[in-house]
Each structure stands twice: as structure tokens, then as C-alpha cells.
């Protein structure tokens, strides 16, 4: 039977069940509960804003968005967002979803740490960013009622979440520091590692091979 949390239905379909199982196998408790909350917060906000997102696609976007931080799916040479995006795309195509649907979820995950742009794209893209911004940054919490917040957190608790998610970010990116250039992720590496040296965009321009 489909779950209903704070008025948001988690579809009882083979695709959703397999997505849940995949993430449960790969992620620890902190990332799993965070990923489910992302789906729930994003769906609540999407509904409040009049966006109609496909629930299966929104679920995969929410559940898979941080898979690139896990040892099972992390690579060494690209942004963690792309790791999760690639897993989601393959998963959806293997489950009969169209190339466009898989591409929208790819974009949702690949862009979820890029402010503003996802909110201008398809609802299936926007919903993931809405959920992430709510759970990690606490943005626009007034769009979600106190009762809805209580129901979601009761189902998916967030003990010491701020510290735990920062640690998860760091551990997922520490071995590929160059992939954080141009993103907010370099803030995390700088916080945990005093020896981390950020690339300077201005210096990259000034010192590139062009003579002028």
C-alpha cells in the first residue's frame, strides 16, 4: 500500500520500491532520511506553487540526488552531482521511462547545487532543488505548515543533521577537490581542511594561455 506522509503519496510501484532498495543499500541513515525528506519537501512546495511533477520521477530525483557521495557510486574525477545523475538516468531507462524523462531527472540531480536555474525548468527538475533548499538551507519554510513539518520529521528524523550532512558532503568530495571549483562545495572542503586551496576564477582567467 502506498505511503502517505504529510499528504504526499509515495507511489507503491516496482520502480519506487526498487529505487528505495537501491538507496537503502548504498546510503547511510543520514543520507537516506535526507533524500526521502527532499522528495517530501519538494513535493509539498511544488504543490503549493502549482507545479505538477510526476511523482515517480520526483521520487527518483530526490532519492538519488546524493548517491554520488556514497562509496558505491562516487567517482574520483567528476562532480558528485553527475555521479548520481548518471545512476538515475540509467535506472529510469532500464525501467521503461523515456529518454526525455530520464534527462529531466538527470538535470534535476546534476543542477541541484546550482541556485535558481532548476526552478526555471521542468517541474521534475525544480522539485529536487526545492526539496534540497528546504532540508539543507531552510529556505521558504513558511510554505510548509508546522503540522506538515512535524509529520515529515516524525517519519524521517534529522538528529544532528546540520553536522552530519556537512560531514557527508566533505567525505564524499575530499578525494576529488578539483571538482568543487565554481561551486559552493568548495566552502565545505575549506571548512574541514585548512590546507585546502581554492582555485581563483580571476587568476584562472589572468593566467590562461591567451596572450591578451
N, C-alpha and C. Protein backbone atom coordinates (compact mmCIF):
# COMPACT_ATOMS: atom_id res chain seq x y z
N UNK A 1 0.85 -1.19 0.00
CA UNK A 1 0.00 0.00 0.00
C UNK A 1 0.89 1.25 0.00
N UNK A 2 0.48 2.25 -0.77
CA UNK A 2 1.26 3.47 -0.87
C UNK A 2 1.32 4.21 0.47
N UNK A 3 2.49 4.74 0.80
CA UNK A 3 2.64 5.56 1.99
C UNK A 3 2.10 6.96 1.73
N UNK A 4 1.58 7.57 2.77
CA UNK A 4 1.13 8.96 2.69
C UNK A 4 1.73 9.69 3.89
N UNK A 5 2.63 10.62 3.61
CA UNK A 5 3.29 11.38 4.65
C UNK A 5 3.02 12.86 4.42
N UNK A 6 2.35 13.49 5.36
CA UNK A 6 2.01 14.91 5.28
C UNK A 6 1.22 15.23 4.01
N UNK A 7 0.44 14.27 3.57
CA UNK A 7 -0.38 14.48 2.39
C UNK A 7 0.31 14.17 1.07
N UNK A 8 1.57 13.78 1.13
CA UNK A 8 2.32 13.42 -0.08
C UNK A 8 2.38 11.90 -0.18
N UNK A 9 1.96 11.39 -1.32
CA UNK A 9 1.94 9.95 -1.54
C UNK A 9 3.28 9.50 -2.11
N UNK A 10 3.80 8.44 -1.54
CA UNK A 10 4.96 7.76 -2.11
C UNK A 10 4.42 6.58 -2.89
N UNK A 11 4.47 6.63 -4.22
CA UNK A 11 3.80 5.61 -5.02
C UNK A 11 4.25 4.19 -4.69
N UNK A 12 3.31 3.28 -4.67
CA UNK A 12 3.62 1.87 -4.43
C UNK A 12 3.76 1.18 -5.78
N UNK A 13 4.91 1.40 -6.41
CA UNK A 13 5.16 0.84 -7.73
C UNK A 13 6.50 0.10 -7.71
N UNK A 14 6.71 -0.82 -8.63
CA UNK A 14 8.01 -1.51 -8.67
C UNK A 14 9.17 -0.55 -8.81
N UNK A 15 9.01 0.49 -9.63
CA UNK A 15 10.10 1.45 -9.82
C UNK A 15 10.46 2.13 -8.50
N UNK A 16 9.47 2.56 -7.76
CA UNK A 16 9.72 3.25 -6.50
C UNK A 16 10.30 2.28 -5.47
N UNK A 17 9.78 1.07 -5.41
CA UNK A 17 10.31 0.10 -4.45
C UNK A 17 11.77 -0.22 -4.76
N UNK A 18 12.10 -0.37 -6.03
CA UNK A 18 13.49 -0.69 -6.40
C UNK A 18 14.40 0.51 -6.16
N UNK A 19 13.90 1.70 -6.40
CA UNK A 19 14.70 2.90 -6.11
C UNK A 19 15.01 2.99 -4.62
N UNK A 20 14.02 2.74 -3.80
CA UNK A 20 14.21 2.77 -2.35
C UNK A 20 15.23 1.74 -1.91
N UNK A 21 15.13 0.54 -2.46
CA UNK A 21 16.06 -0.52 -2.09
C UNK A 21 17.48 -0.18 -2.49
N UNK A 22 17.64 0.39 -3.68
CA UNK A 22 18.98 0.76 -4.15
C UNK A 22 19.62 1.78 -3.21
N UNK A 23 18.86 2.79 -2.82
CA UNK A 23 19.42 3.84 -1.97
C UNK A 23 19.65 3.32 -0.55
N UNK A 24 18.77 2.49 -0.05
CA UNK A 24 18.99 1.90 1.27
C UNK A 24 20.28 1.09 1.31
N UNK A 25 20.59 0.39 0.21
CA UNK A 25 21.82 -0.40 0.16
C UNK A 25 23.06 0.47 0.09
N UNK A 26 22.95 1.64 -0.55
CA UNK A 26 24.13 2.46 -0.82
C UNK A 26 24.40 3.52 0.25
N UNK A 27 23.35 4.07 0.81
CA UNK A 27 23.49 5.26 1.67
C UNK A 27 23.36 4.90 3.15
N UNK A 28 23.96 5.73 3.98
CA UNK A 28 23.77 5.56 5.42
C UNK A 28 22.43 6.18 5.83
N UNK A 29 22.15 6.10 7.11
CA UNK A 29 20.85 6.57 7.63
C UNK A 29 20.65 8.06 7.38
N UNK A 30 21.71 8.84 7.57
CA UNK A 30 21.58 10.29 7.38
C UNK A 30 21.19 10.63 5.95
N UNK A 31 21.90 10.05 4.97
CA UNK A 31 21.60 10.37 3.57
C UNK A 31 20.26 9.80 3.13
N UNK A 32 19.89 8.63 3.63
CA UNK A 32 18.60 8.05 3.23
C UNK A 32 17.45 8.92 3.73
N UNK A 33 17.44 9.26 5.00
CA UNK A 33 16.35 10.08 5.52
C UNK A 33 16.34 11.46 4.86
N UNK A 34 17.52 12.02 4.65
CA UNK A 34 17.61 13.31 3.95
C UNK A 34 16.99 13.21 2.56
N UNK A 35 17.31 12.17 1.84
CA UNK A 35 16.82 12.02 0.47
C UNK A 35 15.31 11.84 0.42
N UNK A 36 14.77 11.11 1.36
CA UNK A 36 13.30 10.98 1.41
C UNK A 36 12.65 12.31 1.78
N UNK A 37 13.26 13.04 2.70
CA UNK A 37 12.71 14.36 3.04
C UNK A 37 12.76 15.30 1.84
N UNK A 38 13.83 15.22 1.05
CA UNK A 38 13.92 16.06 -0.14
C UNK A 38 12.72 15.82 -1.05
N UNK A 39 12.36 14.56 -1.25
CA UNK A 39 11.18 14.26 -2.07
C UNK A 39 9.92 14.86 -1.44
N UNK A 40 9.78 14.70 -0.15
CA UNK A 40 8.57 15.17 0.53
C UNK A 40 8.49 16.69 0.56
N UNK A 41 9.58 17.36 0.98
CA UNK A 41 9.57 18.83 0.99
C UNK A 41 9.37 19.37 -0.42
N UNK A 42 10.08 18.81 -1.38
CA UNK A 42 9.96 19.29 -2.75
C UNK A 42 8.56 19.13 -3.29
N UNK A 43 7.93 18.02 -2.96
CA UNK A 43 6.56 17.77 -3.43
C UNK A 43 5.57 18.72 -2.77
N UNK A 44 5.76 18.98 -1.48
CA UNK A 44 4.90 19.93 -0.78
C UNK A 44 5.03 21.33 -1.37
N UNK A 45 6.25 21.75 -1.62
CA UNK A 45 6.46 23.09 -2.18
C UNK A 45 5.97 23.16 -3.62
N UNK A 46 6.20 22.11 -4.38
CA UNK A 46 5.73 22.11 -5.77
C UNK A 46 4.22 22.26 -5.80
N UNK A 47 3.53 21.54 -4.93
CA UNK A 47 2.07 21.64 -4.88
C UNK A 47 1.64 23.05 -4.49
N UNK A 48 2.34 23.64 -3.52
CA UNK A 48 2.00 24.99 -3.08
C UNK A 48 2.20 26.01 -4.18
N UNK A 49 3.13 25.73 -5.09
CA UNK A 49 3.45 26.67 -6.17
C UNK A 49 2.71 26.34 -7.47
N UNK A 50 1.85 25.32 -7.41
CA UNK A 50 1.08 24.97 -8.59
C UNK A 50 1.85 24.18 -9.63
N UNK A 51 2.94 23.54 -9.22
CA UNK A 51 3.72 22.71 -10.14
C UNK A 51 3.24 21.27 -10.08
N UNK A 52 3.13 20.63 -11.23
CA UNK A 52 2.63 19.26 -11.30
C UNK A 52 3.76 18.35 -11.76
N UNK A 53 4.46 17.75 -10.80
CA UNK A 53 5.60 16.89 -11.11
C UNK A 53 5.17 15.43 -11.07
N UNK A 54 5.68 14.64 -11.98
CA UNK A 54 5.45 13.19 -11.99
C UNK A 54 6.02 12.62 -10.69
N UNK A 55 5.21 11.96 -9.86
CA UNK A 55 5.71 11.52 -8.55
C UNK A 55 6.82 10.49 -8.62
N UNK A 56 6.78 9.58 -9.59
CA UNK A 56 7.86 8.61 -9.70
C UNK A 56 9.18 9.29 -10.07
N UNK A 57 9.12 10.21 -11.01
CA UNK A 57 10.34 10.92 -11.41
C UNK A 57 10.86 11.80 -10.28
N UNK A 58 9.95 12.48 -9.59
CA UNK A 58 10.35 13.30 -8.45
C UNK A 58 10.98 12.44 -7.36
N UNK A 59 10.45 11.26 -7.16
CA UNK A 59 10.98 10.37 -6.13
C UNK A 59 12.40 9.92 -6.47
N UNK A 60 12.61 9.51 -7.71
CA UNK A 60 13.96 9.09 -8.10
C UNK A 60 14.92 10.27 -8.01
N UNK A 61 14.50 11.45 -8.43
CA UNK A 61 15.35 12.62 -8.30
C UNK A 61 15.74 12.90 -6.86
N UNK A 62 14.76 12.86 -5.96
CA UNK A 62 15.04 13.08 -4.55
C UNK A 62 15.91 11.99 -3.94
N UNK A 63 15.57 10.75 -4.23
CA UNK A 63 16.29 9.64 -3.61
C UNK A 63 17.72 9.50 -4.12
N UNK A 64 17.95 9.80 -5.39
CA UNK A 64 19.26 9.56 -5.99
C UNK A 64 20.17 10.79 -5.96
N UNK A 65 19.67 11.94 -5.48
CA UNK A 65 20.43 13.17 -5.70
C UNK A 65 21.78 13.20 -5.00
N UNK A 66 21.95 12.45 -3.91
CA UNK A 66 23.24 12.42 -3.21
C UNK A 66 23.96 11.08 -3.33
N UNK A 67 23.54 10.24 -4.27
CA UNK A 67 24.21 8.94 -4.42
C UNK A 67 25.69 9.11 -4.74
N UNK A 68 26.04 10.21 -5.40
CA UNK A 68 27.43 10.44 -5.74
C UNK A 68 28.33 10.68 -4.55
N UNK A 69 27.75 10.84 -3.38
CA UNK A 69 28.53 10.97 -2.15
C UNK A 69 28.83 9.62 -1.51
N UNK A 70 28.22 8.56 -1.98
CA UNK A 70 28.35 7.25 -1.36
C UNK A 70 29.50 6.47 -2.00
N UNK A 71 30.18 5.63 -1.22
CA UNK A 71 31.29 4.84 -1.78
C UNK A 71 30.89 3.98 -2.97
N UNK A 72 29.66 3.52 -2.99
CA UNK A 72 29.22 2.63 -4.07
C UNK A 72 29.13 3.34 -5.42
N UNK A 73 28.90 4.63 -5.41
CA UNK A 73 28.66 5.34 -6.68
C UNK A 73 29.57 6.53 -6.92
N UNK A 74 30.43 6.87 -5.98
CA UNK A 74 31.33 8.01 -6.15
C UNK A 74 32.43 7.69 -7.15
N UNK A 75 32.73 8.65 -8.01
CA UNK A 75 33.89 8.56 -8.87
C UNK A 75 34.99 9.44 -8.29
N UNK A 76 36.11 9.48 -8.98
CA UNK A 76 37.25 10.27 -8.48
C UNK A 76 37.51 11.53 -9.30
N UNK A 77 36.82 11.68 -10.44
CA UNK A 77 37.24 12.73 -11.36
C UNK A 77 36.10 13.62 -11.86
N UNK A 78 34.92 13.52 -11.25
CA UNK A 78 33.83 14.40 -11.66
C UNK A 78 32.99 14.78 -10.46
N UNK A 79 32.18 15.81 -10.63
CA UNK A 79 31.34 16.30 -9.55
C UNK A 79 30.40 15.21 -9.05
N UNK A 80 30.17 15.19 -7.75
CA UNK A 80 29.31 14.14 -7.19
C UNK A 80 27.90 14.21 -7.75
N UNK A 81 27.45 15.42 -8.11
CA UNK A 81 26.11 15.57 -8.67
C UNK A 81 25.97 14.76 -9.96
N UNK A 82 27.03 14.72 -10.75
CA UNK A 82 26.97 13.97 -12.02
C UNK A 82 26.94 12.47 -11.78
N UNK A 83 27.59 12.02 -10.72
CA UNK A 83 27.55 10.58 -10.41
C UNK A 83 26.12 10.13 -10.16
N UNK A 84 25.41 10.85 -9.30
CA UNK A 84 24.02 10.48 -9.02
C UNK A 84 23.13 10.64 -10.23
N UNK A 85 23.38 11.68 -11.03
CA UNK A 85 22.57 11.92 -12.22
C UNK A 85 22.69 10.76 -13.21
N UNK A 86 23.90 10.25 -13.38
CA UNK A 86 24.10 9.15 -14.32
C UNK A 86 23.42 7.87 -13.84
N UNK A 87 23.49 7.61 -12.53
CA UNK A 87 22.82 6.42 -11.99
C UNK A 87 21.32 6.52 -12.21
N UNK A 88 20.76 7.70 -11.94
CA UNK A 88 19.32 7.89 -12.10
C UNK A 88 18.88 7.72 -13.55
N UNK A 89 19.65 8.29 -14.46
CA UNK A 89 19.29 8.19 -15.87
C UNK A 89 19.25 6.73 -16.32
N UNK A 90 20.29 5.99 -15.99
CA UNK A 90 20.33 4.57 -16.36
C UNK A 90 19.19 3.79 -15.72
N UNK A 91 18.95 4.06 -14.45
CA UNK A 91 17.88 3.38 -13.72
C UNK A 91 16.53 3.61 -14.39
N UNK A 92 16.23 4.85 -14.75
CA UNK A 92 14.93 5.16 -15.34
C UNK A 92 14.79 4.56 -16.73
N UNK A 93 15.83 4.60 -17.53
CA UNK A 93 15.76 3.98 -18.86
C UNK A 93 15.57 2.47 -18.74
N UNK A 94 16.25 1.87 -17.78
CA UNK A 94 16.09 0.42 -17.56
C UNK A 94 14.69 0.07 -17.10
N UNK A 95 13.96 1.04 -16.55
CA UNK A 95 12.60 0.80 -16.07
C UNK A 95 11.55 1.36 -17.03
N UNK A 96 11.94 1.57 -18.26
CA UNK A 96 10.97 1.89 -19.30
C UNK A 96 10.58 3.34 -19.43
N UNK A 97 11.26 4.22 -18.70
CA UNK A 97 10.95 5.64 -18.84
C UNK A 97 11.62 6.19 -20.10
N UNK A 98 11.09 7.28 -20.63
CA UNK A 98 11.59 7.82 -21.88
C UNK A 98 12.92 8.53 -21.68
N UNK A 99 13.60 8.76 -22.80
CA UNK A 99 14.86 9.49 -22.75
C UNK A 99 14.65 10.89 -22.18
N UNK A 100 13.54 11.56 -22.56
CA UNK A 100 13.28 12.90 -22.03
C UNK A 100 13.03 12.88 -20.54
N UNK A 101 12.26 11.90 -20.07
CA UNK A 101 12.01 11.80 -18.63
C UNK A 101 13.31 11.55 -17.86
N UNK A 102 14.13 10.63 -18.40
CA UNK A 102 15.41 10.35 -17.76
C UNK A 102 16.32 11.57 -17.78
N UNK A 103 16.24 12.33 -18.87
CA UNK A 103 17.06 13.54 -18.98
C UNK A 103 16.62 14.60 -17.97
N UNK A 104 15.32 14.74 -17.76
CA UNK A 104 14.84 15.71 -16.78
C UNK A 104 15.33 15.37 -15.38
N UNK A 105 15.32 14.09 -15.03
CA UNK A 105 15.81 13.71 -13.71
C UNK A 105 17.33 13.87 -13.64
N UNK A 106 18.01 13.59 -14.74
CA UNK A 106 19.45 13.85 -14.79
C UNK A 106 19.73 15.32 -14.48
N UNK A 107 18.98 16.20 -15.13
CA UNK A 107 19.15 17.63 -14.89
C UNK A 107 18.82 17.99 -13.44
N UNK A 108 17.77 17.39 -12.90
CA UNK A 108 17.37 17.68 -11.52
C UNK A 108 18.50 17.40 -10.56
N UNK A 109 19.19 16.30 -10.76
CA UNK A 109 20.27 15.92 -9.85
C UNK A 109 21.55 16.69 -10.17
N UNK A 110 21.88 16.81 -11.44
CA UNK A 110 23.12 17.49 -11.83
C UNK A 110 23.12 18.95 -11.41
N UNK A 111 21.92 19.58 -11.36
CA UNK A 111 21.83 21.01 -11.08
C UNK A 111 21.37 21.34 -9.67
N UNK A 112 21.25 20.34 -8.80
CA UNK A 112 20.60 20.62 -7.52
C UNK A 112 21.43 21.50 -6.58
N UNK A 113 22.71 21.70 -6.88
CA UNK A 113 23.52 22.64 -6.10
C UNK A 113 23.76 23.94 -6.87
N UNK A 114 23.03 24.15 -7.94
CA UNK A 114 23.14 25.37 -8.74
C UNK A 114 21.91 26.22 -8.50
N UNK A 115 22.04 27.33 -7.79
CA UNK A 115 20.86 28.12 -7.43
C UNK A 115 20.11 28.67 -8.65
N UNK A 116 18.81 28.78 -8.50
CA UNK A 116 17.89 29.47 -9.41
C UNK A 116 17.57 28.74 -10.70
N UNK A 117 18.58 28.27 -11.42
CA UNK A 117 18.33 27.71 -12.76
C UNK A 117 17.34 26.55 -12.73
N UNK A 118 17.45 25.56 -11.82
CA UNK A 118 16.50 24.45 -11.84
C UNK A 118 15.04 24.88 -11.69
N UNK A 119 14.81 25.99 -11.00
CA UNK A 119 13.43 26.44 -10.76
C UNK A 119 12.79 26.99 -12.03
N UNK A 120 13.59 27.20 -13.08
CA UNK A 120 13.06 27.68 -14.35
C UNK A 120 12.82 26.54 -15.34
N UNK A 121 13.11 25.33 -14.93
CA UNK A 121 13.00 24.18 -15.83
C UNK A 121 11.76 23.35 -15.49
N UNK A 122 11.69 22.14 -16.00
CA UNK A 122 10.52 21.28 -15.81
C UNK A 122 10.25 21.04 -14.32
N UNK A 123 8.99 20.80 -13.95
CA UNK A 123 8.67 20.54 -12.54
C UNK A 123 9.50 19.42 -11.93
N UNK A 124 9.83 18.41 -12.72
CA UNK A 124 10.62 17.29 -12.22
C UNK A 124 12.06 17.72 -11.90
N UNK A 125 12.50 18.81 -12.50
CA UNK A 125 13.81 19.37 -12.17
C UNK A 125 13.69 20.26 -10.94
N UNK A 126 12.69 21.12 -10.95
CA UNK A 126 12.52 22.08 -9.86
C UNK A 126 12.28 21.40 -8.52
N UNK A 127 11.54 20.31 -8.52
CA UNK A 127 11.12 19.71 -7.25
C UNK A 127 12.30 19.26 -6.41
N UNK A 128 13.36 18.80 -7.04
CA UNK A 128 14.52 18.34 -6.28
C UNK A 128 15.23 19.52 -5.61
N UNK A 129 15.44 20.58 -6.36
CA UNK A 129 16.07 21.76 -5.76
C UNK A 129 15.21 22.35 -4.65
N UNK A 130 13.90 22.39 -4.84
CA UNK A 130 13.02 22.88 -3.78
C UNK A 130 13.19 22.06 -2.50
N UNK A 131 13.30 20.75 -2.66
CA UNK A 131 13.46 19.88 -1.50
C UNK A 131 14.81 20.04 -0.84
N UNK A 132 15.86 20.14 -1.64
CA UNK A 132 17.21 20.30 -1.09
C UNK A 132 17.32 21.63 -0.36
N UNK A 133 16.83 22.70 -0.99
CA UNK A 133 16.92 24.02 -0.35
C UNK A 133 16.16 24.06 0.97
N UNK A 134 15.09 23.31 1.06
CA UNK A 134 14.33 23.25 2.31
C UNK A 134 15.09 22.48 3.38
N UNK A 135 15.57 21.29 3.05
CA UNK A 135 16.15 20.42 4.06
C UNK A 135 17.53 20.88 4.51
N UNK A 136 18.34 21.39 3.58
CA UNK A 136 19.71 21.76 3.92
C UNK A 136 19.82 23.23 4.33
N UNK A 137 19.11 24.11 3.62
CA UNK A 137 19.26 25.55 3.85
C UNK A 137 18.11 26.18 4.62
N UNK A 138 17.01 25.45 4.76
CA UNK A 138 15.86 26.01 5.48
C UNK A 138 15.16 27.13 4.75
N UNK A 139 15.27 27.17 3.43
CA UNK A 139 14.66 28.25 2.66
C UNK A 139 13.14 28.11 2.58
N UNK A 140 12.44 29.22 2.72
CA UNK A 140 10.99 29.30 2.50
C UNK A 140 10.21 28.25 3.30
N UNK A 141 10.59 28.08 4.55
CA UNK A 141 9.89 27.11 5.39
C UNK A 141 8.43 27.50 5.61
N UNK A 142 8.10 28.76 5.42
CA UNK A 142 6.71 29.19 5.64
C UNK A 142 5.75 28.59 4.63
N UNK A 143 6.29 28.03 3.54
CA UNK A 143 5.43 27.35 2.56
C UNK A 143 4.96 25.99 3.06
N UNK A 144 5.55 25.54 4.16
CA UNK A 144 5.21 24.22 4.72
C UNK A 144 4.68 24.44 6.13
N UNK A 145 3.53 23.90 6.42
CA UNK A 145 2.91 24.14 7.72
C UNK A 145 3.66 23.42 8.84
N UNK A 146 3.43 23.88 10.05
CA UNK A 146 4.05 23.23 11.22
C UNK A 146 3.65 21.76 11.29
N UNK A 147 2.39 21.45 10.99
CA UNK A 147 1.95 20.06 11.04
C UNK A 147 2.65 19.22 9.98
N UNK A 148 2.77 19.77 8.78
CA UNK A 148 3.47 19.04 7.72
C UNK A 148 4.92 18.78 8.10
N UNK A 149 5.57 19.80 8.66
CA UNK A 149 6.96 19.62 9.09
C UNK A 149 7.06 18.51 10.13
N UNK A 150 6.15 18.54 11.09
CA UNK A 150 6.19 17.55 12.17
C UNK A 150 5.98 16.13 11.62
N UNK A 151 5.07 15.98 10.67
CA UNK A 151 4.79 14.65 10.11
C UNK A 151 5.98 14.13 9.32
N UNK A 152 6.61 15.00 8.54
CA UNK A 152 7.76 14.56 7.74
C UNK A 152 8.92 14.18 8.65
N UNK A 153 9.21 15.01 9.64
CA UNK A 153 10.34 14.74 10.53
C UNK A 153 10.08 13.53 11.43
N UNK A 154 8.82 13.29 11.75
CA UNK A 154 8.49 12.09 12.52
C UNK A 154 8.78 10.83 11.71
N UNK A 155 8.49 10.89 10.42
CA UNK A 155 8.74 9.74 9.55
C UNK A 155 10.22 9.60 9.21
N UNK A 156 10.89 10.74 9.07
CA UNK A 156 12.30 10.74 8.68
C UNK A 156 13.06 11.74 9.54
N UNK A 157 13.49 11.30 10.72
CA UNK A 157 14.12 12.21 11.70
C UNK A 157 15.42 12.82 11.19
N UNK A 158 15.78 13.96 11.78
CA UNK A 158 17.02 14.64 11.39
C UNK A 158 17.89 14.96 12.60
N UNK A 159 18.32 13.94 13.37
CA UNK A 159 19.16 14.20 14.54
C UNK A 159 20.54 14.72 14.13
N UNK A 160 20.95 15.84 14.74
CA UNK A 160 22.26 16.44 14.46
C UNK A 160 22.50 16.58 12.96
N UNK A 161 21.44 16.89 12.23
CA UNK A 161 21.52 16.82 10.77
C UNK A 161 22.52 17.80 10.18
N UNK A 162 22.57 19.02 10.68
CA UNK A 162 23.47 20.01 10.08
C UNK A 162 24.91 19.51 10.09
N UNK A 163 25.36 18.99 11.22
CA UNK A 163 26.72 18.49 11.30
C UNK A 163 26.92 17.23 10.47
N UNK A 164 25.93 16.35 10.50
CA UNK A 164 26.07 15.08 9.77
C UNK A 164 26.09 15.28 8.26
N UNK A 165 25.26 16.18 7.75
CA UNK A 165 25.23 16.36 6.30
C UNK A 165 26.50 17.07 5.83
N UNK A 166 27.00 18.01 6.62
CA UNK A 166 28.27 18.64 6.25
C UNK A 166 29.39 17.61 6.20
N UNK A 167 29.42 16.72 7.16
CA UNK A 167 30.43 15.67 7.17
C UNK A 167 30.27 14.74 5.96
N UNK A 168 29.03 14.42 5.60
CA UNK A 168 28.78 13.58 4.43
C UNK A 168 29.26 14.26 3.16
N UNK A 169 29.00 15.56 3.05
CA UNK A 169 29.48 16.31 1.89
C UNK A 169 31.01 16.23 1.82
N UNK A 170 31.65 16.51 2.94
CA UNK A 170 33.11 16.52 2.95
C UNK A 170 33.67 15.15 2.57
N UNK A 171 33.18 14.11 3.20
CA UNK A 171 33.72 12.78 2.95
C UNK A 171 33.49 12.35 1.51
N UNK A 172 32.41 12.83 0.90
CA UNK A 172 32.11 12.47 -0.48
C UNK A 172 32.92 13.24 -1.51
N UNK A 173 33.55 14.34 -1.08
CA UNK A 173 34.28 15.18 -2.05
C UNK A 173 35.76 15.35 -1.74
N UNK A 174 36.20 14.91 -0.59
CA UNK A 174 37.57 15.18 -0.14
C UNK A 174 38.62 14.63 -1.10
N UNK A 175 38.32 13.52 -1.76
CA UNK A 175 39.31 12.90 -2.64
C UNK A 175 39.22 13.44 -4.07
N UNK A 176 38.35 14.38 -4.33
CA UNK A 176 38.25 14.98 -5.68
C UNK A 176 38.05 16.50 -5.54
N UNK A 177 38.97 17.16 -4.86
CA UNK A 177 38.78 18.58 -4.56
C UNK A 177 38.64 19.47 -5.79
N UNK A 178 39.30 19.12 -6.89
CA UNK A 178 39.23 19.97 -8.08
C UNK A 178 37.82 20.03 -8.67
N UNK A 179 36.99 19.04 -8.35
CA UNK A 179 35.63 19.03 -8.91
C UNK A 179 34.73 20.06 -8.24
N UNK A 180 35.21 20.68 -7.17
CA UNK A 180 34.38 21.67 -6.47
C UNK A 180 34.57 23.08 -7.01
N UNK A 181 35.50 23.26 -7.95
CA UNK A 181 35.75 24.59 -8.50
C UNK A 181 34.48 25.15 -9.15
N UNK A 182 34.17 26.39 -8.83
CA UNK A 182 32.99 27.03 -9.42
C UNK A 182 31.69 26.67 -8.74
N UNK A 183 31.75 25.97 -7.61
CA UNK A 183 30.54 25.58 -6.90
C UNK A 183 30.65 26.00 -5.43
N UNK A 184 29.51 25.90 -4.73
CA UNK A 184 29.52 26.17 -3.29
C UNK A 184 30.20 25.05 -2.51
N UNK A 185 30.47 23.94 -3.16
CA UNK A 185 31.04 22.80 -2.46
C UNK A 185 32.45 23.07 -1.94
N UNK A 186 33.15 24.02 -2.56
CA UNK A 186 34.49 24.30 -2.04
C UNK A 186 34.44 24.92 -0.65
N UNK A 187 33.30 25.51 -0.28
CA UNK A 187 33.14 26.01 1.09
C UNK A 187 33.24 24.86 2.11
N UNK A 188 32.70 23.72 1.74
CA UNK A 188 32.72 22.56 2.64
C UNK A 188 34.15 22.07 2.83
N UNK A 189 34.89 21.93 1.73
CA UNK A 189 36.27 21.47 1.85
C UNK A 189 37.11 22.44 2.65
N UNK A 190 36.91 23.74 2.44
CA UNK A 190 37.66 24.75 3.19
C UNK A 190 37.34 24.69 4.67
N UNK A 191 36.10 24.37 5.01
CA UNK A 191 35.69 24.29 6.42
C UNK A 191 36.40 23.16 7.14
N UNK A 192 36.50 22.00 6.50
CA UNK A 192 37.05 20.82 7.17
C UNK A 192 38.56 20.68 7.00
N UNK A 193 39.11 21.25 5.94
CA UNK A 193 40.52 21.02 5.63
C UNK A 193 41.25 22.36 5.50
N UNK A 194 41.99 22.77 6.53
CA UNK A 194 42.71 24.06 6.49
C UNK A 194 43.73 24.14 5.35
N UNK A 195 44.17 23.00 4.85
CA UNK A 195 45.19 23.00 3.79
C UNK A 195 44.56 23.11 2.40
N UNK A 196 43.25 23.06 2.32
CA UNK A 196 42.59 23.12 1.02
C UNK A 196 42.82 24.48 0.38
N UNK A 197 43.22 24.47 -0.87
CA UNK A 197 43.48 25.71 -1.61
C UNK A 197 42.46 25.86 -2.73
N UNK A 198 41.63 26.88 -2.63
CA UNK A 198 40.63 27.11 -3.67
C UNK A 198 41.28 27.65 -4.94
N UNK A 199 40.73 27.28 -6.07
CA UNK A 199 41.13 27.92 -7.31
C UNK A 199 40.46 29.29 -7.37
N UNK A 200 41.17 30.24 -7.90
CA UNK A 200 40.67 31.61 -8.03
C UNK A 200 40.26 31.85 -9.48
N UNK A 201 38.98 32.11 -9.72
CA UNK A 201 38.47 32.29 -11.07
C UNK A 201 39.17 33.43 -11.79
N UNK A 202 39.43 34.51 -11.07
CA UNK A 202 40.12 35.65 -11.68
C UNK A 202 41.52 35.24 -12.13
N UNK A 203 42.23 34.50 -11.29
CA UNK A 203 43.58 34.08 -11.64
C UNK A 203 43.57 33.07 -12.79
N UNK A 204 42.55 32.22 -12.85
CA UNK A 204 42.44 31.30 -13.98
C UNK A 204 42.35 32.08 -15.29
N UNK A 205 41.57 33.16 -15.29
CA UNK A 205 41.45 34.00 -16.49
C UNK A 205 42.77 34.70 -16.79
N UNK A 206 43.36 35.31 -15.76
CA UNK A 206 44.58 36.11 -15.99
C UNK A 206 45.76 35.26 -16.43
N UNK A 207 45.80 34.02 -15.98
CA UNK A 207 46.99 33.19 -16.25
C UNK A 207 46.77 32.13 -17.31
N UNK A 208 45.68 32.22 -18.06
CA UNK A 208 45.45 31.21 -19.10
C UNK A 208 46.36 31.47 -20.31
N UNK A 209 46.47 30.54 -21.26
CA UNK A 209 47.47 30.63 -22.33
C UNK A 209 47.29 31.78 -23.32
N UNK A 210 46.13 32.44 -23.33
CA UNK A 210 45.95 33.55 -24.26
C UNK A 210 46.89 34.70 -23.92
N UNK A 211 47.50 35.34 -24.91
CA UNK A 211 48.42 36.44 -24.63
C UNK A 211 47.72 37.75 -24.28
N UNK A 212 46.44 37.86 -24.57
CA UNK A 212 45.73 39.11 -24.28
C UNK A 212 44.39 38.83 -23.63
